[in-house]
Amino acid sequence: MAVRIRMKKMGRKHRIYFRIVAIDSRQPRDGRVIEELGTYDPLIPNVDETTTLRPDRIKYWMSVGALPSERCATLFKKYLAKWEAKQAEAAAPPVATPVASPA
């Protein structure tokens, strides 16, 4: 089975949003999905909040051979890098400030 990571169109007329899903490549755009991996809402004014992703599951699907669509690859390039930077920052130990010794 050839798995693709692509967008599934949701919402209503003039208020569209997308779900990012892992889906069999032979299924139609809004067909049966294997797993939901995030959302993309282009109408949210704050650019950083337009996309919510599950990076651990996206990395899993890509590791087993799922290919992202062109638009999903662009979103992953932009937002997964931010997520990885946030994870690295959280994992790094806090820098201790030197305490002045009484002299």
PDB file of N, CA and C in Angstrom:
ATOM      1  N   MET A   1       0.847  -1.175   0.000  1.00  0.00           N
ATOM      2  CA  MET A   1       0.000   0.000   0.000  1.00  0.00           C
ATOM      3  C   MET A   1       0.892   1.238   0.000  1.00  0.00           C
ATOM      4  N   ALA A   2       0.647   2.156  -0.913  1.00  0.00           N
ATOM      5  CA  ALA A   2       1.402   3.400  -1.006  1.00  0.00           C
ATOM      6  C   ALA A   2       0.704   4.456  -0.157  1.00  0.00           C
ATOM      7  N   VAL A   3       1.366   4.897   0.899  1.00  0.00           N
ATOM      8  CA  VAL A   3       0.778   5.865   1.811  1.00  0.00           C
ATOM      9  C   VAL A   3       1.297   7.254   1.467  1.00  0.00           C
ATOM     10  N   ARG A   4       0.381   8.211   1.462  1.00  0.00           N
ATOM     11  CA  ARG A   4       0.731   9.610   1.231  1.00  0.00           C
ATOM     12  C   ARG A   4       0.279  10.425   2.432  1.00  0.00           C
ATOM     13  N   ILE A   5       0.985  11.503   2.704  1.00  0.00           N
ATOM     14  CA  ILE A   5       0.552  12.466   3.709  1.00  0.00           C
ATOM     15  C   ILE A   5       0.052  13.667   2.924  1.00  0.00           C
ATOM     16  N   ARG A   6      -1.250  13.937   3.031  1.00  0.00           N
ATOM     17  CA  ARG A   6      -1.828  15.038   2.259  1.00  0.00           C
ATOM     18  C   ARG A   6      -2.967  15.669   3.042  1.00  0.00           C
ATOM     19  N   MET A   7      -3.583  16.680   2.448  1.00  0.00           N
ATOM     20  CA  MET A   7      -4.649  17.419   3.118  1.00  0.00           C
ATOM     21  C   MET A   7      -6.019  16.896   2.713  1.00  0.00           C
ATOM     22  N   LYS A   8      -6.896  16.862   3.702  1.00  0.00           N
ATOM     23  CA  LYS A   8      -8.293  16.490   3.491  1.00  0.00           C
ATOM     24  C   LYS A   8      -9.126  17.745   3.701  1.00  0.00           C
ATOM     25  N   LYS A   9      -9.912  18.123   2.713  1.00  0.00           N
ATOM     26  CA  LYS A   9     -10.675  19.362   2.739  1.00  0.00           C
ATOM     27  C   LYS A   9     -11.877  19.234   3.666  1.00  0.00           C
ATOM     28  N   MET A  10     -12.037  20.199   4.557  1.00  0.00           N
ATOM     29  CA  MET A  10     -13.142  20.205   5.513  1.00  0.00           C
ATOM     30  C   MET A  10     -13.760  21.599   5.530  1.00  0.00           C
ATOM     31  N   GLY A  11     -14.735  21.809   6.396  1.00  0.00           N
ATOM     32  CA  GLY A  11     -15.339  23.124   6.557  1.00  0.00           C
ATOM     33  C   GLY A  11     -16.539  23.315   5.653  1.00  0.00           C
ATOM     34  N   ARG A  12     -16.879  24.567   5.449  1.00  0.00           N
ATOM     35  CA  ARG A  12     -18.011  24.899   4.598  1.00  0.00           C
ATOM     36  C   ARG A  12     -17.582  25.926   3.560  1.00  0.00           C
ATOM     37  N   LYS A  13     -18.489  26.326   2.738  1.00  0.00           N
ATOM     38  CA  LYS A  13     -18.189  27.299   1.697  1.00  0.00           C
ATOM     39  C   LYS A  13     -17.726  28.615   2.332  1.00  0.00           C
ATOM     40  N   HIS A  14     -16.645  29.162   1.843  1.00  0.00           N
ATOM     41  CA  HIS A  14     -16.029  30.409   2.309  1.00  0.00           C
ATOM     42  C   HIS A  14     -15.458  30.298   3.720  1.00  0.00           C
ATOM     43  N   ARG A  15     -15.385  29.129   4.296  1.00  0.00           N
ATOM     44  CA  ARG A  15     -14.774  28.926   5.625  1.00  0.00           C
ATOM     45  C   ARG A  15     -14.103  27.556   5.625  1.00  0.00           C
ATOM     46  N   ILE A  16     -13.072  27.434   4.804  1.00  0.00           N
ATOM     47  CA  ILE A  16     -12.427  26.153   4.582  1.00  0.00           C
ATOM     48  C   ILE A  16     -11.286  25.930   5.573  1.00  0.00           C
ATOM     49  N   TYR A  17     -11.066  24.700   5.935  1.00  0.00           N
ATOM     50  CA  TYR A  17      -9.856  24.308   6.643  1.00  0.00           C
ATOM     51  C   TYR A  17      -9.515  22.889   6.220  1.00  0.00           C
ATOM     52  N   PHE A  18      -8.333  22.456   6.570  1.00  0.00           N
ATOM     53  CA  PHE A  18      -7.849  21.156   6.110  1.00  0.00           C
ATOM     54  C   PHE A  18      -7.365  20.327   7.292  1.00  0.00           C
ATOM     55  N   ARG A  19      -7.505  19.019   7.169  1.00  0.00           N
ATOM     56  CA  ARG A  19      -6.861  18.084   8.085  1.00  0.00           C
ATOM     57  C   ARG A  19      -5.697  17.457   7.336  1.00  0.00           C
ATOM     58  N   ILE A  20      -4.569  17.349   8.003  1.00  0.00           N
ATOM     59  CA  ILE A  20      -3.404  16.692   7.412  1.00  0.00           C
ATOM     60  C   ILE A  20      -3.487  15.233   7.837  1.00  0.00           C
ATOM     61  N   VAL A  21      -3.513  14.331   6.852  1.00  0.00           N
ATOM     62  CA  VAL A  21      -3.793  12.930   7.132  1.00  0.00           C
ATOM     63  C   VAL A  21      -2.807  12.014   6.421  1.00  0.00           C
ATOM     64  N   ALA A  22      -2.644  10.824   6.977  1.00  0.00           N
ATOM     65  CA  ALA A  22      -1.965   9.731   6.284  1.00  0.00           C
ATOM     66  C   ALA A  22      -3.070   8.928   5.606  1.00  0.00           C
ATOM     67  N   ILE A  23      -2.936   8.735   4.297  1.00  0.00           N
ATOM     68  CA  ILE A  23      -4.015   8.135   3.519  1.00  0.00           C
ATOM     69  C   ILE A  23      -3.414   7.280   2.412  1.00  0.00           C
ATOM     70  N   ASP A  24      -4.136   6.233   2.027  1.00  0.00           N
ATOM     71  CA  ASP A  24      -3.723   5.418   0.886  1.00  0.00           C
ATOM     72  C   ASP A  24      -3.790   6.291  -0.364  1.00  0.00           C
ATOM     73  N   SER A  25      -2.766   6.246  -1.186  1.00  0.00           N
ATOM     74  CA  SER A  25      -2.689   7.142  -2.346  1.00  0.00           C
ATOM     75  C   SER A  25      -3.815   6.899  -3.352  1.00  0.00           C
ATOM     76  N   ARG A  26      -4.449   5.741  -3.306  1.00  0.00           N
ATOM     77  CA  ARG A  26      -5.524   5.451  -4.256  1.00  0.00           C
ATOM     78  C   ARG A  26      -6.883   5.958  -3.793  1.00  0.00           C
ATOM     79  N   GLN A  27      -6.980   6.434  -2.554  1.00  0.00           N
ATOM     80  CA  GLN A  27      -8.240   6.973  -2.028  1.00  0.00           C
ATOM     81  C   GLN A  27      -8.490   8.365  -2.597  1.00  0.00           C
ATOM     82  N   PRO A  28      -9.754   8.770  -2.717  1.00  0.00           N
ATOM     83  CA  PRO A  28     -10.040  10.142  -3.144  1.00  0.00           C
ATOM     84  C   PRO A  28      -9.617  11.154  -2.076  1.00  0.00           C
ATOM     85  N   ARG A  29      -9.605  12.425  -2.438  1.00  0.00           N
ATOM     86  CA  ARG A  29      -9.113  13.475  -1.535  1.00  0.00           C
ATOM     87  C   ARG A  29      -9.779  13.428  -0.165  1.00  0.00           C
ATOM     88  N   ASP A  30     -11.087  13.248  -0.121  1.00  0.00           N
ATOM     89  CA  ASP A  30     -11.802  13.236   1.148  1.00  0.00           C
ATOM     90  C   ASP A  30     -12.180  11.819   1.564  1.00  0.00           C
ATOM     91  N   GLY A  31     -11.426  10.833   1.109  1.00  0.00           N
ATOM     92  CA  GLY A  31     -11.740   9.439   1.383  1.00  0.00           C
ATOM     93  C   GLY A  31     -11.328   8.988   2.774  1.00  0.00           C
ATOM     94  N   ARG A  32     -11.380   7.681   2.974  1.00  0.00           N
ATOM     95  CA  ARG A  32     -11.073   7.067   4.263  1.00  0.00           C
ATOM     96  C   ARG A  32      -9.589   7.240   4.585  1.00  0.00           C
ATOM     97  N   VAL A  33      -9.295   7.721   5.787  1.00  0.00           N
ATOM     98  CA  VAL A  33      -7.915   7.993   6.181  1.00  0.00           C
ATOM     99  C   VAL A  33      -7.394   6.892   7.094  1.00  0.00           C
ATOM    100  N   ILE A  34      -6.082   6.791   7.167  1.00  0.00           N
ATOM    101  CA  ILE A  34      -5.445   5.853   8.083  1.00  0.00           C
ATOM    102  C   ILE A  34      -5.270   6.515   9.446  1.00  0.00           C
ATOM    103  N   GLU A  35      -4.759   7.760   9.435  1.00  0.00           N
ATOM    104  CA  GLU A  35      -4.538   8.486  10.685  1.00  0.00           C
ATOM    105  C   GLU A  35      -4.527   9.985  10.413  1.00  0.00           C
ATOM    106  N   GLU A  36      -5.067  10.759  11.373  1.00  0.00           N
ATOM    107  CA  GLU A  36      -5.020  12.212  11.277  1.00  0.00           C
ATOM    108  C   GLU A  36      -3.756  12.708  11.964  1.00  0.00           C
ATOM    109  N   LEU A  37      -3.013  13.591  11.278  1.00  0.00           N
ATOM    110  CA  LEU A  37      -1.713  14.040  11.761  1.00  0.00           C
ATOM    111  C   LEU A  37      -1.674  15.518  12.129  1.00  0.00           C
ATOM    112  N   GLY A  38      -2.733  16.249  11.857  1.00  0.00           N
ATOM    113  CA  GLY A  38      -2.748  17.660  12.199  1.00  0.00           C
ATOM    114  C   GLY A  38      -3.826  18.395  11.435  1.00  0.00           C
ATOM    115  N   THR A  39      -3.804  19.730  11.578  1.00  0.00           N
ATOM    116  CA  THR A  39      -4.764  20.571  10.879  1.00  0.00           C
ATOM    117  C   THR A  39      -4.053  21.772  10.280  1.00  0.00           C
ATOM    118  N   TYR A  40      -4.703  22.374   9.288  1.00  0.00           N
ATOM    119  CA  TYR A  40      -4.217  23.601   8.670  1.00  0.00           C
ATOM    120  C   TYR A  40      -5.425  24.477   8.394  1.00  0.00           C
ATOM    121  N   ASP A  41      -5.442  25.664   8.997  1.00  0.00           N
ATOM    122  CA  ASP A  41      -6.545  26.601   8.815  1.00  0.00           C
ATOM    123  C   ASP A  41      -5.984  27.896   8.239  1.00  0.00           C
ATOM    124  N   PRO A  42      -6.104  28.099   6.924  1.00  0.00           N
ATOM    125  CA  PRO A  42      -5.497  29.270   6.298  1.00  0.00           C
ATOM    126  C   PRO A  42      -6.169  30.599   6.633  1.00  0.00           C
ATOM    127  N   LEU A  43      -7.333  30.578   7.259  1.00  0.00           N
ATOM    128  CA  LEU A  43      -8.057  31.814   7.538  1.00  0.00           C
ATOM    129  C   LEU A  43      -7.763  32.400   8.911  1.00  0.00           C
ATOM    130  N   ILE A  44      -6.933  31.768   9.699  1.00  0.00           N
ATOM    131  CA  ILE A  44      -6.544  32.322  10.996  1.00  0.00           C
ATOM    132  C   ILE A  44      -5.548  33.451  10.747  1.00  0.00           C
ATOM    133  N   PRO A  45      -5.776  34.626  11.329  1.00  0.00           N
ATOM    134  CA  PRO A  45      -4.894  35.762  11.040  1.00  0.00           C
ATOM    135  C   PRO A  45      -3.460  35.585  11.541  1.00  0.00           C
ATOM    136  N   ASN A  46      -3.263  34.945  12.693  1.00  0.00           N
ATOM    137  CA  ASN A  46      -1.917  34.741  13.224  1.00  0.00           C
ATOM    138  C   ASN A  46      -1.263  33.573  12.482  1.00  0.00           C
ATOM    139  N   VAL A  47      -0.208  33.844  11.743  1.00  0.00           N
ATOM    140  CA  VAL A  47       0.402  32.857  10.861  1.00  0.00           C
ATOM    141  C   VAL A  47       0.928  31.645  11.626  1.00  0.00           C
ATOM    142  N   ASP A  48       1.472  31.854  12.818  1.00  0.00           N
ATOM    143  CA  ASP A  48       2.045  30.742  13.572  1.00  0.00           C
ATOM    144  C   ASP A  48       0.987  29.795  14.126  1.00  0.00           C
ATOM    145  N   GLU A  49      -0.261  30.222  14.193  1.00  0.00           N
ATOM    146  CA  GLU A  49      -1.328  29.373  14.727  1.00  0.00           C
ATOM    147  C   GLU A  49      -2.144  28.685  13.642  1.00  0.00           C
ATOM    148  N   THR A  50      -1.798  28.865  12.379  1.00  0.00           N
ATOM    149  CA  THR A  50      -2.581  28.270  11.304  1.00  0.00           C
ATOM    150  C   THR A  50      -2.436  26.760  11.257  1.00  0.00           C
ATOM    151  N   THR A  51      -1.313  26.247  11.739  1.00  0.00           N
ATOM    152  CA  THR A  51      -1.029  24.821  11.619  1.00  0.00           C
ATOM    153  C   THR A  51      -0.816  24.192  12.981  1.00  0.00           C
ATOM    154  N   THR A  52      -1.473  23.057  13.205  1.00  0.00           N
ATOM    155  CA  THR A  52      -1.188  22.229  14.374  1.00  0.00           C
ATOM    156  C   THR A  52      -0.766  20.865  13.847  1.00  0.00           C
ATOM    157  N   LEU A  53       0.340  20.357  14.367  1.00  0.00           N
ATOM    158  CA  LEU A  53       0.883  19.100  13.871  1.00  0.00           C
ATOM    159  C   LEU A  53       1.159  18.138  15.012  1.00  0.00           C
ATOM    160  N   ARG A  54       1.215  16.855  14.679  1.00  0.00           N
ATOM    161  CA  ARG A  54       1.674  15.815  15.597  1.00  0.00           C
ATOM    162  C   ARG A  54       3.015  15.316  15.051  1.00  0.00           C
ATOM    163  N   PRO A  55       4.112  16.009  15.380  1.00  0.00           N
ATOM    164  CA  PRO A  55       5.408  15.738  14.744  1.00  0.00           C
ATOM    165  C   PRO A  55       5.913  14.318  14.945  1.00  0.00           C
ATOM    166  N   ASP A  56       5.650  13.731  16.100  1.00  0.00           N
ATOM    167  CA  ASP A  56       6.128  12.362  16.327  1.00  0.00           C
ATOM    168  C   ASP A  56       5.475  11.380  15.358  1.00  0.00           C
ATOM    169  N   ARG A  57       4.184  11.545  15.089  1.00  0.00           N
ATOM    170  CA  ARG A  57       3.493  10.656  14.160  1.00  0.00           C
ATOM    171  C   ARG A  57       3.866  10.957  12.704  1.00  0.00           C
ATOM    172  N   ILE A  58       4.093  12.224  12.388  1.00  0.00           N
ATOM    173  CA  ILE A  58       4.528  12.578  11.033  1.00  0.00           C
ATOM    174  C   ILE A  58       5.873  11.946  10.741  1.00  0.00           C
ATOM    175  N   LYS A  59       6.792  12.032  11.702  1.00  0.00           N
ATOM    176  CA  LYS A  59       8.119  11.426  11.514  1.00  0.00           C
ATOM    177  C   LYS A  59       8.003   9.909  11.384  1.00  0.00           C
ATOM    178  N   TYR A  60       7.088   9.302  12.150  1.00  0.00           N
ATOM    179  CA  TYR A  60       6.892   7.856  12.040  1.00  0.00           C
ATOM    180  C   TYR A  60       6.458   7.490  10.622  1.00  0.00           C
ATOM    181  N   TRP A  61       5.420   8.169  10.114  1.00  0.00           N
ATOM    182  CA  TRP A  61       4.906   7.817   8.792  1.00  0.00           C
ATOM    183  C   TRP A  61       5.945   8.051   7.706  1.00  0.00           C
ATOM    184  N   MET A  62       6.729   9.113   7.833  1.00  0.00           N
ATOM    185  CA  MET A  62       7.767   9.361   6.836  1.00  0.00           C
ATOM    186  C   MET A  62       8.878   8.320   6.943  1.00  0.00           C
ATOM    187  N   SER A  63       9.128   7.807   8.152  1.00  0.00           N
ATOM    188  CA  SER A  63      10.174   6.790   8.323  1.00  0.00           C
ATOM    189  C   SER A  63       9.772   5.449   7.714  1.00  0.00           C
ATOM    190  N   VAL A  64       8.475   5.185   7.611  1.00  0.00           N
ATOM    191  CA  VAL A  64       8.035   3.928   7.016  1.00  0.00           C
ATOM    192  C   VAL A  64       7.696   4.083   5.533  1.00  0.00           C
ATOM    193  N   GLY A  65       8.015   5.258   4.950  1.00  0.00           N
ATOM    194  CA  GLY A  65       7.918   5.411   3.513  1.00  0.00           C
ATOM    195  C   GLY A  65       6.784   6.264   2.989  1.00  0.00           C
ATOM    196  N   ALA A  66       6.018   6.915   3.859  1.00  0.00           N
ATOM    197  CA  ALA A  66       4.940   7.787   3.374  1.00  0.00           C
ATOM    198  C   ALA A  66       5.539   9.040   2.764  1.00  0.00           C
ATOM    199  N   LEU A  67       5.006   9.445   1.629  1.00  0.00           N
ATOM    200  CA  LEU A  67       5.490  10.644   0.948  1.00  0.00           C
ATOM    201  C   LEU A  67       4.518  11.792   1.180  1.00  0.00           C
ATOM    202  N   PRO A  68       5.007  12.962   1.606  1.00  0.00           N
ATOM    203  CA  PRO A  68       4.116  14.102   1.781  1.00  0.00           C
ATOM    204  C   PRO A  68       3.807  14.765   0.447  1.00  0.00           C
ATOM    205  N   SER A  69       2.628  15.368   0.359  1.00  0.00           N
ATOM    206  CA  SER A  69       2.292  16.154  -0.826  1.00  0.00           C
ATOM    207  C   SER A  69       3.178  17.394  -0.832  1.00  0.00           C
ATOM    208  N   GLU A  70       3.161  18.116  -1.930  1.00  0.00           N
ATOM    209  CA  GLU A  70       4.023  19.294  -2.047  1.00  0.00           C
ATOM    210  C   GLU A  70       3.690  20.343  -0.983  1.00  0.00           C
ATOM    211  N   ARG A  71       2.418  20.611  -0.775  1.00  0.00           N
ATOM    212  CA  ARG A  71       2.004  21.609   0.215  1.00  0.00           C
ATOM    213  C   ARG A  71       2.312  21.137   1.634  1.00  0.00           C
ATOM    214  N   CYS A  72       2.096  19.868   1.933  1.00  0.00           N
ATOM    215  CA  CYS A  72       2.406  19.342   3.260  1.00  0.00           C
ATOM    216  C   CYS A  72       3.903  19.394   3.523  1.00  0.00           C
ATOM    217  N   ALA A  73       4.702  19.103   2.511  1.00  0.00           N
ATOM    218  CA  ALA A  73       6.159  19.169   2.682  1.00  0.00           C
ATOM    219  C   ALA A  73       6.587  20.587   3.024  1.00  0.00           C
ATOM    220  N   THR A  74       5.946  21.584   2.424  1.00  0.00           N
ATOM    221  CA  THR A  74       6.255  22.977   2.739  1.00  0.00           C
ATOM    222  C   THR A  74       5.895  23.298   4.187  1.00  0.00           C
ATOM    223  N   LEU A  75       4.724  22.851   4.630  1.00  0.00           N
ATOM    224  CA  LEU A  75       4.312  23.081   6.018  1.00  0.00           C
ATOM    225  C   LEU A  75       5.251  22.372   6.996  1.00  0.00           C
ATOM    226  N   PHE A  76       5.646  21.154   6.665  1.00  0.00           N
ATOM    227  CA  PHE A  76       6.553  20.407   7.546  1.00  0.00           C
ATOM    228  C   PHE A  76       7.900  21.106   7.652  1.00  0.00           C
ATOM    229  N   LYS A  77       8.392  21.595   6.536  1.00  0.00           N
ATOM    230  CA  LYS A  77       9.680  22.274   6.529  1.00  0.00           C
ATOM    231  C   LYS A  77       9.636  23.502   7.435  1.00  0.00           C
ATOM    232  N   LYS A  78       8.525  24.204   7.414  1.00  0.00           N
ATOM    233  CA  LYS A  78       8.389  25.424   8.203  1.00  0.00           C
ATOM    234  C   LYS A  78       8.124  25.139   9.678  1.00  0.00           C
ATOM    235  N   TYR A  79       7.162  24.280   9.970  1.00  0.00           N
ATOM    236  CA  TYR A  79       6.698  24.119  11.346  1.00  0.00           C
ATOM    237  C   TYR A  79       7.412  23.013  12.119  1.00  0.00           C
ATOM    238  N   LEU A  80       7.905  21.964  11.470  1.00  0.00           N
ATOM    239  CA  LEU A  80       8.640  20.933  12.198  1.00  0.00           C
ATOM    240  C   LEU A  80       9.963  21.467  12.700  1.00  0.00           C
ATOM    241  N   ALA A  81      10.584  22.378  11.959  1.00  0.00           N
ATOM    242  CA  ALA A  81      11.838  22.980  12.419  1.00  0.00           C
ATOM    243  C   ALA A  81      11.596  23.774  13.705  1.00  0.00           C
ATOM    244  N   LYS A  82      10.474  24.506  13.762  1.00  0.00           N
ATOM    245  CA  LYS A  82      10.134  25.248  14.979  1.00  0.00           C
ATOM    246  C   LYS A  82       9.892  24.295  16.143  1.00  0.00           C
ATOM    247  N   TRP A  83       9.209  23.190  15.871  1.00  0.00           N
ATOM    248  CA  TRP A  83       8.929  22.213  16.923  1.00  0.00           C
ATOM    249  C   TRP A  83      10.223  21.591  17.443  1.00  0.00           C
ATOM    250  N   GLU A  84      11.136  21.234  16.538  1.00  0.00           N
ATOM    251  CA  GLU A  84      12.407  20.642  16.947  1.00  0.00           C
ATOM    252  C   GLU A  84      13.231  21.626  17.761  1.00  0.00           C
ATOM    253  N   ALA A  85      13.214  22.900  17.394  1.00  0.00           N
ATOM    254  CA  ALA A  85      13.948  23.911  18.165  1.00  0.00           C
ATOM    255  C   ALA A  85      13.356  24.051  19.561  1.00  0.00           C
ATOM    256  N   LYS A  86      12.030  24.010  19.652  1.00  0.00           N
ATOM    257  CA  LYS A  86      11.374  24.102  20.953  1.00  0.00           C
ATOM    258  C   LYS A  86      11.709  22.887  21.825  1.00  0.00           C
ATOM    259  N   GLN A  87      11.750  21.693  21.225  1.00  0.00           N
ATOM    260  CA  GLN A  87      12.094  20.482  21.966  1.00  0.00           C
ATOM    261  C   GLN A  87      13.541  20.524  22.444  1.00  0.00           C
ATOM    262  N   ALA A  88      14.453  21.001  21.605  1.00  0.00           N
ATOM    263  CA  ALA A  88      15.861  21.096  21.984  1.00  0.00           C
ATOM    264  C   ALA A  88      16.045  22.102  23.115  1.00  0.00           C
ATOM    265  N   GLU A  89      15.291  23.184  23.053  1.00  0.00           N
ATOM    266  CA  GLU A  89      15.369  24.197  24.104  1.00  0.00           C
ATOM    267  C   GLU A  89      14.853  23.646  25.430  1.00  0.00           C
ATOM    268  N   ALA A  90      13.803  22.868  25.387  1.00  0.00           N
ATOM    269  CA  ALA A  90      13.227  22.284  26.601  1.00  0.00           C
ATOM    270  C   ALA A  90      14.141  21.201  27.174  1.00  0.00           C
ATOM    271  N   ALA A  91      14.849  20.482  26.303  1.00  0.00           N
ATOM    272  CA  ALA A  91      15.712  19.403  26.761  1.00  0.00           C
ATOM    273  C   ALA A  91      17.042  19.915  27.310  1.00  0.00           C
ATOM    274  N   ALA A  92      17.468  21.085  26.873  1.00  0.00           N
ATOM    275  CA  ALA A  92      18.750  21.629  27.334  1.00  0.00           C
ATOM    276  C   ALA A  92      18.633  22.041  28.799  1.00  0.00           C
ATOM    277  N   PRO A  93      19.670  21.737  29.592  1.00  0.00           N
ATOM    278  CA  PRO A  93      19.621  22.141  31.009  1.00  0.00           C
ATOM    279  C   PRO A  93      19.717  23.662  31.113  1.00  0.00           C
ATOM    280  N   PRO A  94      19.052  24.237  32.091  1.00  0.00           N
ATOM    281  CA  PRO A  94      19.114  25.689  32.239  1.00  0.00           C
ATOM    282  C   PRO A  94      20.526  26.122  32.632  1.00  0.00           C
ATOM    283  N   VAL A  95      20.918  27.272  32.138  1.00  0.00           N
ATOM    284  CA  VAL A  95      22.248  27.798  32.428  1.00  0.00           C
ATOM    285  C   VAL A  95      22.225  28.416  33.817  1.00  0.00           C
ATOM    286  N   ALA A  96      23.160  27.958  34.656  1.00  0.00           N
ATOM    287  CA  ALA A  96      23.238  28.464  36.020  1.00  0.00           C
ATOM    288  C   ALA A  96      23.943  29.814  36.031  1.00  0.00           C
ATOM    289  N   THR A  97      23.391  30.747  36.778  1.00  0.00           N
ATOM    290  CA  THR A  97      24.029  32.060  36.914  1.00  0.00           C
ATOM    291  C   THR A  97      25.001  32.010  38.078  1.00  0.00           C
ATOM    292  N   PRO A  98      26.178  32.594  37.912  1.00  0.00           N
ATOM    293  CA  PRO A  98      27.155  32.548  39.011  1.00  0.00           C
ATOM    294  C   PRO A  98      26.678  33.397  40.178  1.00  0.00           C
ATOM    295  N   VAL A  99      26.895  32.869  41.372  1.00  0.00           N
ATOM    296  CA  VAL A  99      26.498  33.563  42.592  1.00  0.00           C
ATOM    297  C   VAL A  99      27.728  34.285  43.129  1.00  0.00           C
ATOM    298  N   ALA A 100      27.556  35.543  43.461  1.00  0.00           N
ATOM    299  CA  ALA A 100      28.674  36.320  43.991  1.00  0.00           C
ATOM    300  C   ALA A 100      28.999  35.835  45.393  1.00  0.00           C
ATOM    301  N   SER A 101      30.279  35.557  45.628  1.00  0.00           N
ATOM    302  CA  SER A 101      30.693  35.094  46.951  1.00  0.00           C
ATOM    303  C   SER A 101      31.028  36.298  47.822  1.00  0.00           C
ATOM    304  N   PRO A 102      30.682  36.227  49.109  1.00  0.00           N
ATOM    305  CA  PRO A 102      30.979  37.364  50.004  1.00  0.00           C
ATOM    306  C   PRO A 102      32.483  37.457  50.225  1.00  0.00           C
ATOM    307  N   ALA A 103      33.026  38.639  50.102  1.00  0.00           N
ATOM    308  CA  ALA A 103      34.480  38.815  50.289  1.00  0.00           C
ATOM    309  C   ALA A 103      34.802  39.866  51.287  1.00  0.00           C
TER     310      ALA A 103
END
